Amino acid sequence: MTDPTVRAILDVIGRGSRFLLVSHLRPDGDAVGSVLGLGLSLEAAGKSVAMVLEDGVPVNFRQLTGADRIDGRSEGPFDAVFVLDCSDLMRAGAALDEYHQPHINIDHHPTNDGFAAINMVIESACSTTEMIYDVLRAGDIPIPPEAAEALLTGLVTDTIGFQTPNISAKAIRTAADLMELGPDLSRLYRTALIEKSFEAYRYWGAGLMSLRRENGLVWASLTLDDRRQAGYGGRDDADLVNQLSAIKGSMVRIIFIELSDSEVKVSWRSQPGYDVSGVAGSFGGGGHRTAAGATVAGALEDVRRRVVEATRELMGAAGELAESPIR
């Protein structure tokens, strides 16, 4: 590969010996897979690596080799700081407080603001792990089986099992290459996407009871009390937003997750043709055209009202559709 950005990244790796790898708050499979996949590969090349996710590793990714080595904070100094699968520094949290400009940013979100000294941002990539695989291959950096499993996890989860509209032949070839390095795709698919805890299903039940729709717009809410009653330990939606994508006739789906009395996490999913990244951006978030998110200040009821109204405008139906519960 002759891409100058890839060459610049490989030059940083070649000159350095100790690296910090960070990804975003409330990490998903691509965030975990990026940090682990790059970290374990760099270690196989003789480098020293600190892997950091401020919110830790979600339960359904803790079976990945090396997941127990991911910390919530780091201690420098480092020769270079990598920020992976993260569109802006705010999303990385306190892990980057002492680093005003990271050295390298590898990401595939179209809302990425190019905050690093070297920015590799490819919107067409299906996952950040797909991009990391390309960098490792270009530099002949060894990819041990456990790193290949982490990279494949990112690709599988960010495409929801190769179902998203941006899936490409290149991504499928990358998945095949990674499988040849050792990962069991069927086991990985089940643990990352299918298996959920009993508590997660109880949490889903509360969210499903709150479902509302307006023609092609569907939304649900998860409150702090829902989380407590279900006994669910995460601060996410247990992947409920992706389940809503199966609702027939839905064009845009939204999940509201109450994080506190004054903060709500909002996640959008949409069919092609509805660019929800713009709506997310208007609330200080970002993401992809068909998958985006934002953390919004305010009480749940107020945030929900404002977000639904903004999403109505996106869909060209502001003020025309009446809320109706799904029965």
C-alpha atoms as a PDB file:
ATOM      1  CA  MET A   1       0.000   0.000   0.000  1.00  0.00           C
ATOM      2  CA  THR A   2       1.410   3.389  -0.997  1.00  0.00           C
ATOM      3  CA  ASP A   3      -1.095   5.633   0.779  1.00  0.00           C
ATOM      4  CA  PRO A   4       0.918   8.470   2.409  1.00  0.00           C
ATOM      5  CA  THR A   5      -1.231   8.427   5.558  1.00  0.00           C
ATOM      6  CA  VAL A   6      -0.595   4.714   6.040  1.00  0.00           C
ATOM      7  CA  ARG A   7       3.132   5.283   5.483  1.00  0.00           C
ATOM      8  CA  ALA A   8       3.104   8.057   8.093  1.00  0.00           C
ATOM      9  CA  ILE A   9       1.378   5.779  10.627  1.00  0.00           C
ATOM     10  CA  LEU A  10       3.853   2.976   9.971  1.00  0.00           C
ATOM     11  CA  ASP A  11       6.723   5.437  10.386  1.00  0.00           C
ATOM     12  CA  VAL A  12       5.401   6.401  13.842  1.00  0.00           C
ATOM     13  CA  ILE A  13       5.101   2.725  14.768  1.00  0.00           C
ATOM     14  CA  GLY A  14       8.578   1.964  13.474  1.00  0.00           C
ATOM     15  CA  ARG A  15      10.231   4.784  15.432  1.00  0.00           C
ATOM     16  CA  GLY A  16       8.338   4.243  18.694  1.00  0.00           C
ATOM     17  CA  SER A  17       8.487   1.558  21.345  1.00  0.00           C
ATOM     18  CA  ARG A  18       5.670   2.423  23.801  1.00  0.00           C
ATOM     19  CA  PHE A  19       2.148   3.332  22.691  1.00  0.00           C
ATOM     20  CA  LEU A  20      -1.174   4.327  24.239  1.00  0.00           C
ATOM     21  CA  LEU A  21      -4.315   3.059  22.497  1.00  0.00           C
ATOM     22  CA  VAL A  22      -7.666   4.657  23.383  1.00  0.00           C
ATOM     23  CA  SER A  23     -11.232   4.506  22.065  1.00  0.00           C
ATOM     24  CA  HIS A  24     -14.579   6.067  22.916  1.00  0.00           C
ATOM     25  CA  LEU A  25     -16.809   6.059  25.986  1.00  0.00           C
ATOM     26  CA  ARG A  26     -19.442   3.297  26.225  1.00  0.00           C
ATOM     27  CA  PRO A  27     -17.389   1.195  23.801  1.00  0.00           C
ATOM     28  CA  ASP A  28     -18.950  -1.092  21.218  1.00  0.00           C
ATOM     29  CA  GLY A  29     -17.404  -4.084  19.452  1.00  0.00           C
ATOM     30  CA  ASP A  30     -15.486  -1.947  16.986  1.00  0.00           C
ATOM     31  CA  ALA A  31     -13.945   0.133  19.783  1.00  0.00           C
ATOM     32  CA  VAL A  32     -12.924  -2.924  21.806  1.00  0.00           C
ATOM     33  CA  GLY A  33     -11.772  -4.809  18.705  1.00  0.00           C
ATOM     34  CA  SER A  34      -9.707  -1.858  17.480  1.00  0.00           C
ATOM     35  CA  VAL A  35      -7.863  -1.381  20.761  1.00  0.00           C
ATOM     36  CA  LEU A  36      -7.256  -5.105  21.283  1.00  0.00           C
ATOM     37  CA  GLY A  37      -6.511  -5.959  17.657  1.00  0.00           C
ATOM     38  CA  LEU A  38      -3.930  -3.206  17.196  1.00  0.00           C
ATOM     39  CA  GLY A  39      -2.548  -3.591  20.708  1.00  0.00           C
ATOM     40  CA  LEU A  40      -1.942  -7.337  20.537  1.00  0.00           C
ATOM     41  CA  SER A  41      -0.439  -7.021  17.051  1.00  0.00           C
ATOM     42  CA  LEU A  42       1.967  -4.292  18.162  1.00  0.00           C
ATOM     43  CA  GLU A  43       3.007  -6.453  21.106  1.00  0.00           C
ATOM     44  CA  ALA A  44       3.658  -9.331  18.712  1.00  0.00           C
ATOM     45  CA  ALA A  45       5.984  -6.924  16.883  1.00  0.00           C
ATOM     46  CA  GLY A  46       7.928  -6.266  20.115  1.00  0.00           C
ATOM     47  CA  LYS A  47       6.272  -3.002  21.157  1.00  0.00           C
ATOM     48  CA  SER A  48       4.977  -2.027  24.606  1.00  0.00           C
ATOM     49  CA  VAL A  49       1.298  -1.082  24.681  1.00  0.00           C
ATOM     50  CA  ALA A  50      -1.188   0.408  27.146  1.00  0.00           C
ATOM     51  CA  MET A  51      -4.818  -0.261  26.141  1.00  0.00           C
ATOM     52  CA  VAL A  52      -7.409   2.061  27.703  1.00  0.00           C
ATOM     53  CA  LEU A  53     -11.213   2.304  27.665  1.00  0.00           C
ATOM     54  CA  GLU A  54     -12.506   4.614  30.365  1.00  0.00           C
ATOM     55  CA  ASP A  55     -15.805   2.730  30.688  1.00  0.00           C
ATOM     56  CA  GLY A  56     -14.181  -0.716  30.559  1.00  0.00           C
ATOM     57  CA  VAL A  57     -15.103  -3.665  28.351  1.00  0.00           C
ATOM     58  CA  PRO A  58     -18.814  -4.568  27.931  1.00  0.00           C
ATOM     59  CA  VAL A  59     -19.791  -8.015  29.183  1.00  0.00           C
ATOM     60  CA  ASN A  60     -20.312  -9.561  25.744  1.00  0.00           C
ATOM     61  CA  PHE A  61     -16.702  -8.795  24.723  1.00  0.00           C
ATOM     62  CA  ARG A  62     -14.909  -9.862  27.898  1.00  0.00           C
ATOM     63  CA  GLN A  63     -14.286 -13.338  26.491  1.00  0.00           C
ATOM     64  CA  LEU A  64     -11.811 -11.876  23.978  1.00  0.00           C
ATOM     65  CA  THR A  65      -8.199 -12.704  24.759  1.00  0.00           C
ATOM     66  CA  GLY A  66      -6.524  -9.691  26.344  1.00  0.00           C
ATOM     67  CA  ALA A  67      -9.783  -7.973  27.335  1.00  0.00           C
ATOM     68  CA  ASP A  68      -8.767  -8.249  31.003  1.00  0.00           C
ATOM     69  CA  ARG A  69      -5.709  -6.123  30.238  1.00  0.00           C
ATOM     70  CA  ILE A  70      -7.713  -3.100  29.111  1.00  0.00           C
ATOM     71  CA  ASP A  71      -7.539  -0.448  31.837  1.00  0.00           C
ATOM     72  CA  GLY A  72      -9.653   2.591  32.633  1.00  0.00           C
ATOM     73  CA  ARG A  73      -6.647   4.923  32.847  1.00  0.00           C
ATOM     74  CA  SER A  74      -3.014   5.089  31.755  1.00  0.00           C
ATOM     75  CA  GLU A  75       0.383   6.197  32.988  1.00  0.00           C
ATOM     76  CA  GLY A  76       2.857   7.704  30.515  1.00  0.00           C
ATOM     77  CA  PRO A  77       5.090   8.656  29.001  1.00  0.00           C
ATOM     78  CA  PHE A  78       4.319   7.251  25.550  1.00  0.00           C
ATOM     79  CA  ASP A  79       6.064   7.608  22.226  1.00  0.00           C
ATOM     80  CA  ALA A  80       2.697   7.985  20.482  1.00  0.00           C
ATOM     81  CA  VAL A  81      -1.006   8.102  21.331  1.00  0.00           C
ATOM     82  CA  PHE A  82      -3.535   6.354  19.048  1.00  0.00           C
ATOM     83  CA  VAL A  83      -7.238   7.239  19.197  1.00  0.00           C
ATOM     84  CA  LEU A  84      -9.309   4.573  17.453  1.00  0.00           C
ATOM     85  CA  ASP A  85     -12.922   4.492  16.227  1.00  0.00           C
ATOM     86  CA  CYS A  86     -13.540   7.897  17.788  1.00  0.00           C
ATOM     87  CA  SER A  87     -14.795  10.955  15.907  1.00  0.00           C
ATOM     88  CA  ASP A  88     -13.770  13.623  18.437  1.00  0.00           C
ATOM     89  CA  LEU A  89     -11.675  13.976  21.577  1.00  0.00           C
ATOM     90  CA  MET A  90     -14.696  14.509  23.829  1.00  0.00           C
ATOM     91  CA  ARG A  91     -15.843  10.953  23.121  1.00  0.00           C
ATOM     92  CA  ALA A  92     -12.557   9.542  24.438  1.00  0.00           C
ATOM     93  CA  GLY A  93     -13.252  10.900  27.905  1.00  0.00           C
ATOM     94  CA  ALA A  94     -10.691  11.534  30.625  1.00  0.00           C
ATOM     95  CA  ALA A  95      -8.251   9.000  29.163  1.00  0.00           C
ATOM     96  CA  LEU A  96      -6.844  11.785  26.985  1.00  0.00           C
ATOM     97  CA  ASP A  97      -6.953  14.670  29.465  1.00  0.00           C
ATOM     98  CA  GLU A  98      -3.198  15.181  29.393  1.00  0.00           C
ATOM     99  CA  TYR A  99      -2.825  14.772  25.618  1.00  0.00           C
ATOM    100  CA  HIS A 100      -3.946  17.882  23.760  1.00  0.00           C
ATOM    101  CA  GLN A 101      -3.297  16.430  20.320  1.00  0.00           C
ATOM    102  CA  PRO A 102      -2.946  12.660  19.870  1.00  0.00           C
ATOM    103  CA  HIS A 103      -0.464  11.490  17.278  1.00  0.00           C
ATOM    104  CA  ILE A 104      -2.750   9.186  15.279  1.00  0.00           C
ATOM    105  CA  ASN A 105      -6.506   8.950  14.719  1.00  0.00           C
ATOM    106  CA  ILE A 106      -7.908   5.950  12.812  1.00  0.00           C
ATOM    107  CA  ASP A 107     -11.652   6.132  12.276  1.00  0.00           C
ATOM    108  CA  HIS A 108     -14.504   5.653   9.783  1.00  0.00           C
ATOM    109  CA  HIS A 109     -17.124   8.111  11.082  1.00  0.00           C
ATOM    110  CA  PRO A 110     -18.050  10.837   8.560  1.00  0.00           C
ATOM    111  CA  THR A 111     -18.386  13.355  11.424  1.00  0.00           C
ATOM    112  CA  ASN A 112     -14.707  12.955  12.428  1.00  0.00           C
ATOM    113  CA  ASP A 113     -13.152  16.400  12.979  1.00  0.00           C
ATOM    114  CA  GLY A 114      -9.506  15.466  12.234  1.00  0.00           C
ATOM    115  CA  PHE A 115      -8.179  16.165  15.728  1.00  0.00           C
ATOM    116  CA  ALA A 116      -4.891  14.231  15.553  1.00  0.00           C
ATOM    117  CA  ALA A 117      -1.537  15.026  13.971  1.00  0.00           C
ATOM    118  CA  ILE A 118      -2.146  12.141  11.531  1.00  0.00           C
ATOM    119  CA  ASN A 119      -5.748  11.362  10.613  1.00  0.00           C
ATOM    120  CA  MET A 120      -6.760   8.228   8.723  1.00  0.00           C
ATOM    121  CA  VAL A 121     -10.511   8.642   8.222  1.00  0.00           C
ATOM    122  CA  ILE A 122     -12.212   6.479   5.595  1.00  0.00           C
ATOM    123  CA  GLU A 123     -15.998   6.889   5.595  1.00  0.00           C
ATOM    124  CA  SER A 124     -16.524   3.969   3.233  1.00  0.00           C
ATOM    125  CA  ALA A 125     -14.865   1.492   5.611  1.00  0.00           C
ATOM    126  CA  CYS A 126     -17.337  -0.833   7.330  1.00  0.00           C
ATOM    127  CA  SER A 127     -15.419  -0.715  10.611  1.00  0.00           C
ATOM    128  CA  THR A 128     -12.293   0.803  12.101  1.00  0.00           C
ATOM    129  CA  THR A 129     -10.883  -2.711  12.571  1.00  0.00           C
ATOM    130  CA  GLU A 130     -11.049  -3.178   8.799  1.00  0.00           C
ATOM    131  CA  MET A 131      -8.798  -0.110   8.443  1.00  0.00           C
ATOM    132  CA  ILE A 132      -6.417  -1.308  11.162  1.00  0.00           C
ATOM    133  CA  TYR A 133      -6.084  -4.643   9.358  1.00  0.00           C
ATOM    134  CA  ASP A 134      -5.030  -2.768   6.207  1.00  0.00           C
ATOM    135  CA  VAL A 135      -2.385  -0.824   8.151  1.00  0.00           C
ATOM    136  CA  LEU A 136      -1.005  -3.980   9.789  1.00  0.00           C
ATOM    137  CA  ARG A 137      -0.827  -5.805   6.469  1.00  0.00           C
ATOM    138  CA  ALA A 138       0.833  -2.845   4.753  1.00  0.00           C
ATOM    139  CA  GLY A 139       3.532  -2.806   7.428  1.00  0.00           C
ATOM    140  CA  ASP A 140       3.988  -6.605   7.575  1.00  0.00           C
ATOM    141  CA  ILE A 141       3.148  -6.399  11.278  1.00  0.00           C
ATOM    142  CA  PRO A 142       2.263  -9.844  12.677  1.00  0.00           C
ATOM    143  CA  ILE A 143      -1.401 -10.483  13.493  1.00  0.00           C
ATOM    144  CA  PRO A 144      -1.657 -13.280  16.082  1.00  0.00           C
ATOM    145  CA  PRO A 145      -4.892 -15.310  16.273  1.00  0.00           C
ATOM    146  CA  GLU A 146      -6.188 -13.397  19.307  1.00  0.00           C
ATOM    147  CA  ALA A 147      -5.655 -10.085  17.481  1.00  0.00           C
ATOM    148  CA  ALA A 148      -7.413 -11.447  14.399  1.00  0.00           C
ATOM    149  CA  GLU A 149     -10.375 -12.438  16.595  1.00  0.00           C
ATOM    150  CA  ALA A 150     -10.582  -8.911  18.012  1.00  0.00           C
ATOM    151  CA  LEU A 151     -10.390  -7.321  14.556  1.00  0.00           C
ATOM    152  CA  LEU A 152     -13.052  -9.662  13.196  1.00  0.00           C
ATOM    153  CA  THR A 153     -15.254  -8.845  16.192  1.00  0.00           C
ATOM    154  CA  GLY A 154     -15.188  -5.167  15.242  1.00  0.00           C
ATOM    155  CA  LEU A 155     -16.109  -5.932  11.648  1.00  0.00           C
ATOM    156  CA  VAL A 156     -18.910  -8.343  12.562  1.00  0.00           C
ATOM    157  CA  THR A 157     -20.501  -6.103  15.196  1.00  0.00           C
ATOM    158  CA  ASP A 158     -20.296  -2.801  13.297  1.00  0.00           C
ATOM    159  CA  THR A 159     -22.021  -4.414  10.309  1.00  0.00           C
ATOM    160  CA  ILE A 160     -24.486  -6.287  12.581  1.00  0.00           C
ATOM    161  CA  GLY A 161     -23.349  -9.553  11.052  1.00  0.00           C
ATOM    162  CA  PHE A 162     -22.714  -8.135   7.544  1.00  0.00           C
ATOM    163  CA  GLN A 163     -26.218  -6.653   7.267  1.00  0.00           C
ATOM    164  CA  THR A 164     -25.635  -2.882   7.168  1.00  0.00           C
ATOM    165  CA  PRO A 165     -26.166  -0.934   3.919  1.00  0.00           C
ATOM    166  CA  ASN A 166     -22.456  -0.072   3.663  1.00  0.00           C
ATOM    167  CA  ILE A 167     -21.290  -3.695   3.542  1.00  0.00           C
ATOM    168  CA  SER A 168     -18.711  -4.160   0.780  1.00  0.00           C
ATOM    169  CA  ALA A 169     -16.936  -6.947  -1.039  1.00  0.00           C
ATOM    170  CA  LYS A 170     -13.693  -5.651   0.488  1.00  0.00           C
ATOM    171  CA  ALA A 171     -15.100  -6.076   4.008  1.00  0.00           C
ATOM    172  CA  ILE A 172     -16.113  -9.664   3.213  1.00  0.00           C
ATOM    173  CA  ARG A 173     -12.610 -10.368   1.874  1.00  0.00           C
ATOM    174  CA  THR A 174     -11.095  -8.867   5.024  1.00  0.00           C
ATOM    175  CA  ALA A 175     -13.330 -11.096   7.147  1.00  0.00           C
ATOM    176  CA  ALA A 176     -12.188 -14.145   5.175  1.00  0.00           C
ATOM    177  CA  ASP A 177      -8.523 -13.163   5.588  1.00  0.00           C
ATOM    178  CA  LEU A 178      -9.012 -12.767   9.341  1.00  0.00           C
ATOM    179  CA  MET A 179     -10.802 -16.120   9.599  1.00  0.00           C
ATOM    180  CA  GLU A 180      -7.792 -17.791   7.995  1.00  0.00           C
ATOM    181  CA  LEU A 181      -5.688 -16.514  10.906  1.00  0.00           C
ATOM    182  CA  GLY A 182      -7.682 -18.602  13.373  1.00  0.00           C
ATOM    183  CA  PRO A 183     -10.949 -17.035  14.659  1.00  0.00           C
ATOM    184  CA  ASP A 184     -14.111 -19.151  14.815  1.00  0.00           C
ATOM    185  CA  LEU A 185     -16.661 -16.872  13.117  1.00  0.00           C
ATOM    186  CA  SER A 186     -19.742 -18.776  14.265  1.00  0.00           C
ATOM    187  CA  ARG A 187     -18.679 -18.682  17.932  1.00  0.00           C
ATOM    188  CA  LEU A 188     -17.663 -15.034  17.671  1.00  0.00           C
ATOM    189  CA  TYR A 189     -20.971 -14.119  16.015  1.00  0.00           C
ATOM    190  CA  ARG A 190     -22.948 -15.830  18.756  1.00  0.00           C
ATOM    191  CA  THR A 191     -21.056 -14.325  21.702  1.00  0.00           C
ATOM    192  CA  ALA A 192     -20.869 -10.825  20.232  1.00  0.00           C
ATOM    193  CA  LEU A 193     -24.317 -10.450  18.665  1.00  0.00           C
ATOM    194  CA  ILE A 194     -26.754 -13.124  19.804  1.00  0.00           C
ATOM    195  CA  GLU A 195     -26.137 -14.068  23.431  1.00  0.00           C
ATOM    196  CA  LYS A 196     -27.573 -11.665  26.018  1.00  0.00           C
ATOM    197  CA  SER A 197     -27.883 -11.935  29.771  1.00  0.00           C
ATOM    198  CA  PHE A 198     -31.192 -12.597  31.503  1.00  0.00           C
ATOM    199  CA  GLU A 199     -30.967  -9.047  32.910  1.00  0.00           C
ATOM    200  CA  ALA A 200     -30.487  -7.592  29.422  1.00  0.00           C
ATOM    201  CA  TYR A 201     -33.693  -9.264  28.237  1.00  0.00           C
ATOM    202  CA  ARG A 202     -35.599  -7.877  31.230  1.00  0.00           C
ATOM    203  CA  TYR A 203     -34.184  -4.453  30.348  1.00  0.00           C
ATOM    204  CA  TRP A 204     -35.323  -4.919  26.744  1.00  0.00           C
ATOM    205  CA  GLY A 205     -38.800  -5.748  28.039  1.00  0.00           C
ATOM    206  CA  ALA A 206     -39.064  -2.352  29.727  1.00  0.00           C
ATOM    207  CA  GLY A 207     -37.902  -0.617  26.558  1.00  0.00           C
ATOM    208  CA  LEU A 208     -40.329  -2.528  24.349  1.00  0.00           C
ATOM    209  CA  MET A 209     -43.229  -1.579  26.608  1.00  0.00           C
ATOM    210  CA  SER A 210     -42.395   2.087  25.938  1.00  0.00           C
ATOM    211  CA  LEU A 211     -42.406   1.774  22.122  1.00  0.00           C
ATOM    212  CA  ARG A 212     -44.042   4.575  20.142  1.00  0.00           C
ATOM    213  CA  ARG A 213     -44.387   5.181  16.409  1.00  0.00           C
ATOM    214  CA  GLU A 214     -45.316   7.802  13.867  1.00  0.00           C
ATOM    215  CA  ASN A 215     -45.555   6.123  10.495  1.00  0.00           C
ATOM    216  CA  GLY A 216     -41.903   5.407   9.716  1.00  0.00           C
ATOM    217  CA  LEU A 217     -40.506   6.840  12.971  1.00  0.00           C
ATOM    218  CA  VAL A 218     -40.171   4.467  15.951  1.00  0.00           C
ATOM    219  CA  TRP A 219     -38.715   5.231  19.363  1.00  0.00           C
ATOM    220  CA  ALA A 220     -38.361   3.713  22.831  1.00  0.00           C
ATOM    221  CA  SER A 221     -37.019   4.830  26.200  1.00  0.00           C
ATOM    222  CA  LEU A 222     -35.005   3.157  28.947  1.00  0.00           C
ATOM    223  CA  THR A 223     -35.052   4.839  32.336  1.00  0.00           C
ATOM    224  CA  LEU A 224     -32.768   4.597  35.351  1.00  0.00           C
ATOM    225  CA  ASP A 225     -35.566   2.780  37.144  1.00  0.00           C
ATOM    226  CA  ASP A 226     -35.867   0.289  34.258  1.00  0.00           C
ATOM    227  CA  ARG A 227     -32.170  -0.463  34.629  1.00  0.00           C
ATOM    228  CA  ARG A 228     -32.408  -0.930  38.384  1.00  0.00           C
ATOM    229  CA  GLN A 229     -35.473  -3.154  38.228  1.00  0.00           C
ATOM    230  CA  ALA A 230     -33.940  -5.339  35.513  1.00  0.00           C
ATOM    231  CA  GLY A 231     -30.646  -5.602  37.386  1.00  0.00           C
ATOM    232  CA  TYR A 232     -28.795  -4.578  34.214  1.00  0.00           C
ATOM    233  CA  GLY A 233     -25.274  -3.370  34.953  1.00  0.00           C
ATOM    234  CA  GLY A 234     -24.440  -1.479  31.755  1.00  0.00           C
ATOM    235  CA  ARG A 235     -25.005   2.154  30.823  1.00  0.00           C
ATOM    236  CA  ASP A 236     -26.160   1.299  27.302  1.00  0.00           C
ATOM    237  CA  ASP A 237     -29.302  -0.105  25.676  1.00  0.00           C
ATOM    238  CA  ALA A 238     -28.057  -3.730  25.582  1.00  0.00           C
ATOM    239  CA  ASP A 239     -28.219  -3.381  21.758  1.00  0.00           C
ATOM    240  CA  LEU A 240     -31.987  -2.879  21.710  1.00  0.00           C
ATOM    241  CA  VAL A 241     -31.732  -0.151  19.052  1.00  0.00           C
ATOM    242  CA  ASN A 242     -30.526  -2.659  16.478  1.00  0.00           C
ATOM    243  CA  GLN A 243     -33.433  -4.973  17.296  1.00  0.00           C
ATOM    244  CA  LEU A 244     -35.864  -2.182  16.457  1.00  0.00           C
ATOM    245  CA  SER A 245     -34.494  -2.226  12.909  1.00  0.00           C
ATOM    246  CA  ALA A 246     -36.581  -5.365  12.327  1.00  0.00           C
ATOM    247  CA  ILE A 247     -39.842  -3.448  12.807  1.00  0.00           C
ATOM    248  CA  LYS A 248     -41.614  -3.569   9.453  1.00  0.00           C
ATOM    249  CA  GLY A 249     -42.089  -0.166   7.860  1.00  0.00           C
ATOM    250  CA  SER A 250     -39.721   1.684  10.187  1.00  0.00           C
ATOM    251  CA  MET A 251     -37.468   4.199   8.469  1.00  0.00           C
ATOM    252  CA  VAL A 252     -35.831   5.759  11.556  1.00  0.00           C
ATOM    253  CA  ARG A 253     -35.463   4.210  15.021  1.00  0.00           C
ATOM    254  CA  ILE A 254     -34.421   6.041  18.201  1.00  0.00           C
ATOM    255  CA  ILE A 255     -33.483   4.778  21.676  1.00  0.00           C
ATOM    256  CA  PHE A 256     -33.373   7.156  24.653  1.00  0.00           C
ATOM    257  CA  ILE A 257     -31.237   5.931  27.578  1.00  0.00           C
ATOM    258  CA  GLU A 258     -31.506   7.899  30.807  1.00  0.00           C
ATOM    259  CA  LEU A 259     -27.973   8.156  32.230  1.00  0.00           C
ATOM    260  CA  SER A 260     -28.895  10.507  35.075  1.00  0.00           C
ATOM    261  CA  ASP A 261     -31.605  13.019  35.977  1.00  0.00           C
ATOM    262  CA  SER A 262     -29.908  15.517  33.663  1.00  0.00           C
ATOM    263  CA  GLU A 263     -28.284  13.471  30.879  1.00  0.00           C
ATOM    264  CA  VAL A 264     -29.669  11.178  28.179  1.00  0.00           C
ATOM    265  CA  LYS A 265     -27.877   9.008  25.644  1.00  0.00           C
ATOM    266  CA  VAL A 266     -29.657   9.005  22.278  1.00  0.00           C
ATOM    267  CA  SER A 267     -29.040   6.465  19.514  1.00  0.00           C
ATOM    268  CA  TRP A 268     -30.454   6.649  15.984  1.00  0.00           C
ATOM    269  CA  ARG A 269     -30.644   3.955  13.311  1.00  0.00           C
ATOM    270  CA  SER A 270     -32.128   4.539   9.862  1.00  0.00           C
ATOM    271  CA  GLN A 271     -32.736   3.177   6.434  1.00  0.00           C
ATOM    272  CA  PRO A 272     -30.616   4.563   3.562  1.00  0.00           C
ATOM    273  CA  GLY A 273     -31.908   7.960   2.524  1.00  0.00           C
ATOM    274  CA  TYR A 274     -32.226   9.321   6.047  1.00  0.00           C
ATOM    275  CA  ASP A 275     -28.937  10.862   7.228  1.00  0.00           C
ATOM    276  CA  VAL A 276     -29.279  10.736  11.019  1.00  0.00           C
ATOM    277  CA  SER A 277     -25.686  11.878  11.563  1.00  0.00           C
ATOM    278  CA  GLY A 278     -26.835  15.435  10.890  1.00  0.00           C
ATOM    279  CA  VAL A 279     -29.535  15.262  13.561  1.00  0.00           C
ATOM    280  CA  ALA A 280     -27.051  13.729  16.004  1.00  0.00           C
ATOM    281  CA  GLY A 281     -24.592  16.509  15.162  1.00  0.00           C
ATOM    282  CA  SER A 282     -27.168  19.150  16.028  1.00  0.00           C
ATOM    283  CA  PHE A 283     -27.233  17.688  19.542  1.00  0.00           C
ATOM    284  CA  GLY A 284     -23.448  17.579  19.880  1.00  0.00           C
ATOM    285  CA  GLY A 285     -23.017  14.000  18.685  1.00  0.00           C
ATOM    286  CA  GLY A 286     -22.156  12.328  15.412  1.00  0.00           C
ATOM    287  CA  GLY A 287     -21.674   9.019  13.672  1.00  0.00           C
ATOM    288  CA  HIS A 288     -22.684   7.513  10.359  1.00  0.00           C
ATOM    289  CA  ARG A 289     -25.491   8.404   7.988  1.00  0.00           C
ATOM    290  CA  THR A 290     -27.554   5.413   9.117  1.00  0.00           C
ATOM    291  CA  ALA A 291     -26.211   4.982  12.675  1.00  0.00           C
ATOM    292  CA  ALA A 292     -25.457   7.878  14.994  1.00  0.00           C
ATOM    293  CA  GLY A 293     -25.600   8.951  18.615  1.00  0.00           C
ATOM    294  CA  ALA A 294     -25.372  11.848  21.042  1.00  0.00           C
ATOM    295  CA  THR A 295     -25.307  12.452  24.772  1.00  0.00           C
ATOM    296  CA  VAL A 296     -27.769  15.262  25.471  1.00  0.00           C
ATOM    297  CA  ALA A 297     -28.098  17.374  28.609  1.00  0.00           C
ATOM    298  CA  GLY A 298     -31.585  17.567  30.072  1.00  0.00           C
ATOM    299  CA  ALA A 299     -34.347  15.514  31.628  1.00  0.00           C
ATOM    300  CA  LEU A 300     -35.537  12.474  29.687  1.00  0.00           C
ATOM    301  CA  GLU A 301     -38.962  13.878  28.782  1.00  0.00           C
ATOM    302  CA  ASP A 302     -37.508  17.157  27.503  1.00  0.00           C
ATOM    303  CA  VAL A 303     -34.700  15.498  25.523  1.00  0.00           C
ATOM    304  CA  ARG A 304     -37.128  13.029  23.996  1.00  0.00           C
ATOM    305  CA  ARG A 305     -39.466  15.835  22.906  1.00  0.00           C
ATOM    306  CA  ARG A 306     -36.659  17.847  21.292  1.00  0.00           C
ATOM    307  CA  VAL A 307     -35.027  14.880  19.577  1.00  0.00           C
ATOM    308  CA  VAL A 308     -38.281  13.467  18.204  1.00  0.00           C
ATOM    309  CA  GLU A 309     -39.193  16.903  16.871  1.00  0.00           C
ATOM    310  CA  ALA A 310     -35.805  17.286  15.151  1.00  0.00           C
ATOM    311  CA  THR A 311     -36.076  13.800  13.686  1.00  0.00           C
ATOM    312  CA  ARG A 312     -39.579  14.573  12.401  1.00  0.00           C
ATOM    313  CA  GLU A 313     -38.071  17.497  10.517  1.00  0.00           C
ATOM    314  CA  LEU A 314     -35.454  15.198   9.008  1.00  0.00           C
ATOM    315  CA  MET A 315     -38.213  12.932   7.792  1.00  0.00           C
ATOM    316  CA  GLY A 316     -40.155  15.824   6.332  1.00  0.00           C
ATOM    317  CA  ALA A 317     -43.118  15.307   8.656  1.00  0.00           C
ATOM    318  CA  ALA A 318     -42.760  17.983  11.340  1.00  0.00           C
ATOM    319  CA  GLY A 319     -46.087  18.590  13.066  1.00  0.00           C
ATOM    320  CA  GLU A 320     -48.028  16.290  10.727  1.00  0.00           C
ATOM    321  CA  LEU A 321     -47.952  12.961  12.554  1.00  0.00           C
ATOM    322  CA  ALA A 322     -49.609  12.162  15.863  1.00  0.00           C
ATOM    323  CA  GLU A 323     -47.926   9.951  18.456  1.00  0.00           C
ATOM    324  CA  SER A 324     -49.561   6.549  18.729  1.00  0.00           C
ATOM    325  CA  PRO A 325     -48.562   3.624  20.958  1.00  0.00           C
ATOM    326  CA  ILE A 326     -47.832   0.326  19.267  1.00  0.00           C
ATOM    327  CA  ARG A 327     -50.461  -2.210  20.320  1.00  0.00           C
END
